[in-house]
Amino acid sequence: APPRKRIVLGRKSFSLMPSARTVVRVKLSRRNARRVRAKRRLRVVLAVTASDAAGNSRTAHKTVSLRAARTRR
């Protein structure tokens, strides 16, 4: 199998209220956006780490499909 390419999107901290839902929008660099458009769809693993005021921390992983947005005209 060919080696996997790794795209690192970066990190961003934000606060949310308990039991609230948050949507995070990620901007890709031009290079990474070209990779997504070339493949049309990529299976990626997202990792989210949450911690509370008491210092408890937990990381959740989710596999999702990343696809290129349609270009605006």
PDB file of N, CA and C in Angstrom:
ATOM      1  N   ALA A   1       0.845  -1.188   0.000  1.00  0.00           N
ATOM      2  CA  ALA A   1       0.000   0.000   0.000  1.00  0.00           C
ATOM      3  C   ALA A   1       0.883   1.241   0.000  1.00  0.00           C
ATOM      4  N   PRO A   2       0.467   2.283  -0.711  1.00  0.00           N
ATOM      5  CA  PRO A   2       1.261   3.515  -0.707  1.00  0.00           C
ATOM      6  C   PRO A   2       1.226   4.174   0.672  1.00  0.00           C
ATOM      7  N   PRO A   3       2.270   4.911   1.017  1.00  0.00           N
ATOM      8  CA  PRO A   3       2.285   5.559   2.329  1.00  0.00           C
ATOM      9  C   PRO A   3       1.180   6.609   2.440  1.00  0.00           C
ATOM     10  N   ARG A   4       0.649   6.763   3.623  1.00  0.00           N
ATOM     11  CA  ARG A   4      -0.416   7.744   3.852  1.00  0.00           C
ATOM     12  C   ARG A   4       0.181   9.132   3.945  1.00  0.00           C
ATOM     13  N   LYS A   5      -0.537  10.102   3.401  1.00  0.00           N
ATOM     14  CA  LYS A   5      -0.125  11.490   3.541  1.00  0.00           C
ATOM     15  C   LYS A   5      -0.838  12.070   4.748  1.00  0.00           C
ATOM     16  N   ARG A   6      -0.128  12.889   5.467  1.00  0.00           N
ATOM     17  CA  ARG A   6      -0.699  13.468   6.672  1.00  0.00           C
ATOM     18  C   ARG A   6      -0.851  14.972   6.478  1.00  0.00           C
ATOM     19  N   ILE A   7      -2.053  15.462   6.688  1.00  0.00           N
ATOM     20  CA  ILE A   7      -2.336  16.886   6.620  1.00  0.00           C
ATOM     21  C   ILE A   7      -2.659  17.354   8.035  1.00  0.00           C
ATOM     22  N   VAL A   8      -1.875  18.267   8.549  1.00  0.00           N
ATOM     23  CA  VAL A   8      -2.119  18.799   9.880  1.00  0.00           C
ATOM     24  C   VAL A   8      -2.853  20.113   9.732  1.00  0.00           C
ATOM     25  N   LEU A   9      -4.044  20.187  10.300  1.00  0.00           N
ATOM     26  CA  LEU A   9      -4.877  21.367  10.166  1.00  0.00           C
ATOM     27  C   LEU A   9      -4.578  22.416  11.220  1.00  0.00           C
ATOM     28  N   GLY A  10      -4.054  22.026  12.341  1.00  0.00           N
ATOM     29  CA  GLY A  10      -3.721  22.981  13.388  1.00  0.00           C
ATOM     30  C   GLY A  10      -4.576  22.793  14.629  1.00  0.00           C
ATOM     31  N   ARG A  11      -4.463  23.759  15.527  1.00  0.00           N
ATOM     32  CA  ARG A  11      -5.190  23.704  16.791  1.00  0.00           C
ATOM     33  C   ARG A  11      -5.927  25.015  17.016  1.00  0.00           C
ATOM     34  N   LYS A  12      -7.041  24.909  17.697  1.00  0.00           N
ATOM     35  CA  LYS A  12      -7.815  26.098  18.037  1.00  0.00           C
ATOM     36  C   LYS A  12      -8.518  25.853  19.367  1.00  0.00           C
ATOM     37  N   SER A  13      -8.383  26.780  20.291  1.00  0.00           N
ATOM     38  CA  SER A  13      -9.064  26.685  21.585  1.00  0.00           C
ATOM     39  C   SER A  13     -10.335  27.511  21.562  1.00  0.00           C
ATOM     40  N   PHE A  14     -11.373  27.018  22.214  1.00  0.00           N
ATOM     41  CA  PHE A  14     -12.622  27.754  22.326  1.00  0.00           C
ATOM     42  C   PHE A  14     -13.367  27.247  23.541  1.00  0.00           C
ATOM     43  N   SER A  15     -14.292  28.047  24.020  1.00  0.00           N
ATOM     44  CA  SER A  15     -15.102  27.679  25.184  1.00  0.00           C
ATOM     45  C   SER A  15     -16.513  27.362  24.734  1.00  0.00           C
ATOM     46  N   LEU A  16     -17.165  26.461  25.456  1.00  0.00           N
ATOM     47  CA  LEU A  16     -18.561  26.170  25.195  1.00  0.00           C
ATOM     48  C   LEU A  16     -19.265  25.835  26.493  1.00  0.00           C
ATOM     49  N   MET A  17     -20.557  26.008  26.475  1.00  0.00           N
ATOM     50  CA  MET A  17     -21.368  25.730  27.654  1.00  0.00           C
ATOM     51  C   MET A  17     -21.643  24.228  27.740  1.00  0.00           C
ATOM     52  N   PRO A  18     -21.839  23.702  28.946  1.00  0.00           N
ATOM     53  CA  PRO A  18     -22.162  22.279  29.079  1.00  0.00           C
ATOM     54  C   PRO A  18     -23.399  21.909  28.265  1.00  0.00           C
ATOM     55  N   SER A  19     -23.365  20.763  27.647  1.00  0.00           N
ATOM     56  CA  SER A  19     -24.459  20.233  26.830  1.00  0.00           C
ATOM     57  C   SER A  19     -24.749  21.096  25.606  1.00  0.00           C
ATOM     58  N   ALA A  20     -23.818  21.933  25.209  1.00  0.00           N
ATOM     59  CA  ALA A  20     -24.014  22.774  24.031  1.00  0.00           C
ATOM     60  C   ALA A  20     -23.338  22.129  22.827  1.00  0.00           C
ATOM     61  N   ARG A  21     -23.818  22.476  21.653  1.00  0.00           N
ATOM     62  CA  ARG A  21     -23.246  21.971  20.423  1.00  0.00           C
ATOM     63  C   ARG A  21     -22.458  23.112  19.766  1.00  0.00           C
ATOM     64  N   THR A  22     -21.292  22.807  19.271  1.00  0.00           N
ATOM     65  CA  THR A  22     -20.462  23.818  18.637  1.00  0.00           C
ATOM     66  C   THR A  22     -20.030  23.332  17.269  1.00  0.00           C
ATOM     67  N   VAL A  23     -20.081  24.211  16.293  1.00  0.00           N
ATOM     68  CA  VAL A  23     -19.628  23.902  14.948  1.00  0.00           C
ATOM     69  C   VAL A  23     -18.326  24.653  14.715  1.00  0.00           C
ATOM     70  N   VAL A  24     -17.321  23.943  14.241  1.00  0.00           N
ATOM     71  CA  VAL A  24     -16.019  24.543  13.985  1.00  0.00           C
ATOM     72  C   VAL A  24     -15.759  24.501  12.488  1.00  0.00           C
ATOM     73  N   ARG A  25     -15.423  25.644  11.927  1.00  0.00           N
ATOM     74  CA  ARG A  25     -15.097  25.723  10.502  1.00  0.00           C
ATOM     75  C   ARG A  25     -13.582  25.788  10.368  1.00  0.00           C
ATOM     76  N   VAL A  26     -13.034  24.987   9.472  1.00  0.00           N
ATOM     77  CA  VAL A  26     -11.591  24.900   9.295  1.00  0.00           C
ATOM     78  C   VAL A  26     -11.223  25.412   7.913  1.00  0.00           C
ATOM     79  N   LYS A  27     -10.274  26.340   7.857  1.00  0.00           N
ATOM     80  CA  LYS A  27      -9.770  26.822   6.574  1.00  0.00           C
ATOM     81  C   LYS A  27      -8.496  26.050   6.248  1.00  0.00           C
ATOM     82  N   LEU A  28      -8.411  25.553   5.033  1.00  0.00           N
ATOM     83  CA  LEU A  28      -7.226  24.829   4.587  1.00  0.00           C
ATOM     84  C   LEU A  28      -6.296  25.751   3.824  1.00  0.00           C
ATOM     85  N   SER A  29      -5.011  25.439   3.873  1.00  0.00           N
ATOM     86  CA  SER A  29      -4.064  26.176   3.053  1.00  0.00           C
ATOM     87  C   SER A  29      -4.346  25.851   1.588  1.00  0.00           C
ATOM     88  N   ARG A  30      -3.815  26.642   0.683  1.00  0.00           N
ATOM     89  CA  ARG A  30      -4.047  26.379  -0.742  1.00  0.00           C
ATOM     90  C   ARG A  30      -3.532  25.004  -1.135  1.00  0.00           C
ATOM     91  N   ARG A  31      -2.392  24.646  -0.617  1.00  0.00           N
ATOM     92  CA  ARG A  31      -1.804  23.337  -0.938  1.00  0.00           C
ATOM     93  C   ARG A  31      -2.716  22.198  -0.485  1.00  0.00           C
ATOM     94  N   ASN A  32      -3.191  22.278   0.754  1.00  0.00           N
ATOM     95  CA  ASN A  32      -4.065  21.220   1.260  1.00  0.00           C
ATOM     96  C   ASN A  32      -5.425  21.233   0.570  1.00  0.00           C
ATOM     97  N   ALA A  33      -5.931  22.405   0.225  1.00  0.00           N
ATOM     98  CA  ALA A  33      -7.197  22.481  -0.506  1.00  0.00           C
ATOM     99  C   ALA A  33      -7.063  21.818  -1.874  1.00  0.00           C
ATOM    100  N   ARG A  34      -5.923  21.990  -2.532  1.00  0.00           N
ATOM    101  CA  ARG A  34      -5.682  21.327  -3.821  1.00  0.00           C
ATOM    102  C   ARG A  34      -5.680  19.809  -3.651  1.00  0.00           C
ATOM    103  N   ARG A  35      -5.099  19.332  -2.561  1.00  0.00           N
ATOM    104  CA  ARG A  35      -5.087  17.880  -2.303  1.00  0.00           C
ATOM    105  C   ARG A  35      -6.506  17.336  -2.156  1.00  0.00           C
ATOM    106  N   VAL A  36      -7.345  18.058  -1.431  1.00  0.00           N
ATOM    107  CA  VAL A  36      -8.729  17.619  -1.233  1.00  0.00           C
ATOM    108  C   VAL A  36      -9.473  17.623  -2.563  1.00  0.00           C
ATOM    109  N   ARG A  37      -9.317  18.711  -3.347  1.00  0.00           N
ATOM    110  CA  ARG A  37      -9.996  18.780  -4.641  1.00  0.00           C
ATOM    111  C   ARG A  37      -9.524  17.680  -5.588  1.00  0.00           C
ATOM    112  N   ALA A  38      -8.234  17.339  -5.532  1.00  0.00           N
ATOM    113  CA  ALA A  38      -7.706  16.300  -6.415  1.00  0.00           C
ATOM    114  C   ALA A  38      -8.314  14.941  -6.087  1.00  0.00           C
ATOM    115  N   LYS A  39      -8.514  14.672  -4.817  1.00  0.00           N
ATOM    116  CA  LYS A  39      -9.097  13.388  -4.390  1.00  0.00           C
ATOM    117  C   LYS A  39     -10.614  13.421  -4.366  1.00  0.00           C
ATOM    118  N   ARG A  40     -11.200  14.619  -4.382  1.00  0.00           N
ATOM    119  CA  ARG A  40     -12.640  14.870  -4.273  1.00  0.00           C
ATOM    120  C   ARG A  40     -13.189  14.574  -2.887  1.00  0.00           C
ATOM    121  N   ARG A  41     -12.680  13.549  -2.254  1.00  0.00           N
ATOM    122  CA  ARG A  41     -13.130  13.210  -0.900  1.00  0.00           C
ATOM    123  C   ARG A  41     -12.006  12.477  -0.178  1.00  0.00           C
ATOM    124  N   LEU A  42     -11.749  12.866   1.050  1.00  0.00           N
ATOM    125  CA  LEU A  42     -10.731  12.218   1.864  1.00  0.00           C
ATOM    126  C   LEU A  42     -11.365  11.736   3.157  1.00  0.00           C
ATOM    127  N   ARG A  43     -10.968  10.574   3.590  1.00  0.00           N
ATOM    128  CA  ARG A  43     -11.369  10.084   4.903  1.00  0.00           C
ATOM    129  C   ARG A  43     -10.320  10.580   5.886  1.00  0.00           C
ATOM    130  N   VAL A  44     -10.742  11.318   6.900  1.00  0.00           N
ATOM    131  CA  VAL A  44      -9.812  11.888   7.865  1.00  0.00           C
ATOM    132  C   VAL A  44     -10.263  11.550   9.280  1.00  0.00           C
ATOM    133  N   VAL A  45      -9.321  11.614  10.208  1.00  0.00           N
ATOM    134  CA  VAL A  45      -9.614  11.379  11.616  1.00  0.00           C
ATOM    135  C   VAL A  45      -9.504  12.708  12.343  1.00  0.00           C
ATOM    136  N   LEU A  46     -10.586  13.121  12.992  1.00  0.00           N
ATOM    137  CA  LEU A  46     -10.599  14.335  13.792  1.00  0.00           C
ATOM    138  C   LEU A  46     -10.386  13.956  15.246  1.00  0.00           C
ATOM    139  N   ALA A  47      -9.621  14.745  15.949  1.00  0.00           N
ATOM    140  CA  ALA A  47      -9.412  14.530  17.379  1.00  0.00           C
ATOM    141  C   ALA A  47      -9.809  15.803  18.110  1.00  0.00           C
ATOM    142  N   VAL A  48     -10.658  15.662  19.111  1.00  0.00           N
ATOM    143  CA  VAL A  48     -11.105  16.799  19.912  1.00  0.00           C
ATOM    144  C   VAL A  48     -10.777  16.501  21.364  1.00  0.00           C
ATOM    145  N   THR A  49     -10.058  17.422  21.999  1.00  0.00           N
ATOM    146  CA  THR A  49      -9.718  17.272  23.406  1.00  0.00           C
ATOM    147  C   THR A  49     -10.484  18.324  24.194  1.00  0.00           C
ATOM    148  N   ALA A  50     -11.227  17.890  25.182  1.00  0.00           N
ATOM    149  CA  ALA A  50     -12.006  18.798  26.023  1.00  0.00           C
ATOM    150  C   ALA A  50     -11.515  18.686  27.462  1.00  0.00           C
ATOM    151  N   SER A  51     -11.479  19.810  28.150  1.00  0.00           N
ATOM    152  CA  SER A  51     -11.111  19.798  29.562  1.00  0.00           C
ATOM    153  C   SER A  51     -12.035  20.743  30.317  1.00  0.00           C
ATOM    154  N   ASP A  52     -12.248  20.445  31.586  1.00  0.00           N
ATOM    155  CA  ASP A  52     -13.130  21.280  32.399  1.00  0.00           C
ATOM    156  C   ASP A  52     -12.313  22.079  33.411  1.00  0.00           C
ATOM    157  N   ALA A  53     -13.015  22.867  34.213  1.00  0.00           N
ATOM    158  CA  ALA A  53     -12.351  23.741  35.182  1.00  0.00           C
ATOM    159  C   ALA A  53     -11.593  22.954  36.244  1.00  0.00           C
ATOM    160  N   ALA A  54     -12.008  21.723  36.502  1.00  0.00           N
ATOM    161  CA  ALA A  54     -11.342  20.895  37.507  1.00  0.00           C
ATOM    162  C   ALA A  54     -10.068  20.249  36.970  1.00  0.00           C
ATOM    163  N   GLY A  55      -9.811  20.400  35.672  1.00  0.00           N
ATOM    164  CA  GLY A  55      -8.602  19.821  35.088  1.00  0.00           C
ATOM    165  C   GLY A  55      -8.798  18.450  34.467  1.00  0.00           C
ATOM    166  N   ASN A  56     -10.033  17.947  34.491  1.00  0.00           N
ATOM    167  CA  ASN A  56     -10.312  16.670  33.848  1.00  0.00           C
ATOM    168  C   ASN A  56     -10.257  16.860  32.333  1.00  0.00           C
ATOM    169  N   SER A  57      -9.668  15.896  31.632  1.00  0.00           N
ATOM    170  CA  SER A  57      -9.497  16.030  30.193  1.00  0.00           C
ATOM    171  C   SER A  57      -9.854  14.724  29.502  1.00  0.00           C
ATOM    172  N   ARG A  58     -10.394  14.832  28.294  1.00  0.00           N
ATOM    173  CA  ARG A  58     -10.752  13.644  27.527  1.00  0.00           C
ATOM    174  C   ARG A  58     -10.627  13.960  26.043  1.00  0.00           C
ATOM    175  N   THR A  59     -10.138  12.987  25.282  1.00  0.00           N
ATOM    176  CA  THR A  59      -9.986  13.156  23.838  1.00  0.00           C
ATOM    177  C   THR A  59     -10.916  12.186  23.122  1.00  0.00           C
ATOM    178  N   ALA A  60     -11.617  12.696  22.128  1.00  0.00           N
ATOM    179  CA  ALA A  60     -12.514  11.877  21.316  1.00  0.00           C
ATOM    180  C   ALA A  60     -12.014  11.909  19.873  1.00  0.00           C
ATOM    181  N   HIS A  61     -12.070  10.754  19.192  1.00  0.00           N
ATOM    182  CA  HIS A  61     -11.660  10.643  17.800  1.00  0.00           C
ATOM    183  C   HIS A  61     -12.871  10.244  16.957  1.00  0.00           C
ATOM    184  N   LYS A  62     -12.949  10.804  15.771  1.00  0.00           N
ATOM    185  CA  LYS A  62     -14.058  10.503  14.873  1.00  0.00           C
ATOM    186  C   LYS A  62     -13.523  10.498  13.444  1.00  0.00           C
ATOM    187  N   THR A  63     -13.858   9.469  12.680  1.00  0.00           N
ATOM    188  CA  THR A  63     -13.480   9.404  11.272  1.00  0.00           C
ATOM    189  C   THR A  63     -14.603  10.009  10.450  1.00  0.00           C
ATOM    190  N   VAL A  64     -14.250  10.963   9.608  1.00  0.00           N
ATOM    191  CA  VAL A  64     -15.240  11.663   8.783  1.00  0.00           C
ATOM    192  C   VAL A  64     -14.715  11.783   7.359  1.00  0.00           C
ATOM    193  N   SER A  65     -15.602  12.144   6.439  1.00  0.00           N
ATOM    194  CA  SER A  65     -15.205  12.422   5.067  1.00  0.00           C
ATOM    195  C   SER A  65     -15.045  13.930   4.903  1.00  0.00           C
ATOM    196  N   LEU A  66     -13.940  14.317   4.327  1.00  0.00           N
ATOM    197  CA  LEU A  66     -13.668  15.715   4.050  1.00  0.00           C
ATOM    198  C   LEU A  66     -13.780  15.891   2.547  1.00  0.00           C
ATOM    199  N   ARG A  67     -14.618  16.815   2.113  1.00  0.00           N
ATOM    200  CA  ARG A  67     -14.771  17.009   0.676  1.00  0.00           C
ATOM    201  C   ARG A  67     -14.647  18.484   0.341  1.00  0.00           C
ATOM    202  N   ALA A  68     -14.239  18.733  -0.870  1.00  0.00           N
ATOM    203  CA  ALA A  68     -14.039  20.101  -1.320  1.00  0.00           C
ATOM    204  C   ALA A  68     -15.387  20.788  -1.516  1.00  0.00           C
ATOM    205  N   ALA A  69     -15.454  22.048  -1.099  1.00  0.00           N
ATOM    206  CA  ALA A  69     -16.666  22.828  -1.320  1.00  0.00           C
ATOM    207  C   ALA A  69     -16.736  23.231  -2.788  1.00  0.00           C
ATOM    208  N   ARG A  70     -17.932  23.430  -3.261  1.00  0.00           N
ATOM    209  CA  ARG A  70     -18.101  23.907  -4.627  1.00  0.00           C
ATOM    210  C   ARG A  70     -17.606  25.332  -4.715  1.00  0.00           C
ATOM    211  N   THR A  71     -16.989  25.649  -5.818  1.00  0.00           N
ATOM    212  CA  THR A  71     -16.481  27.001  -5.989  1.00  0.00           C
ATOM    213  C   THR A  71     -17.632  27.959  -6.243  1.00  0.00           C
ATOM    214  N   ARG A  72     -17.492  29.175  -5.739  1.00  0.00           N
ATOM    215  CA  ARG A  72     -18.518  30.203  -5.934  1.00  0.00           C
ATOM    216  C   ARG A  72     -18.334  30.852  -7.305  1.00  0.00           C
ATOM    217  N   ARG A  73     -19.428  31.198  -7.934  1.00  0.00           N
ATOM    218  CA  ARG A  73     -19.362  31.863  -9.249  1.00  0.00           C
ATOM    219  C   ARG A  73     -19.990  33.211  -9.185  1.00  0.00           C
TER     220      ARG A  73
END
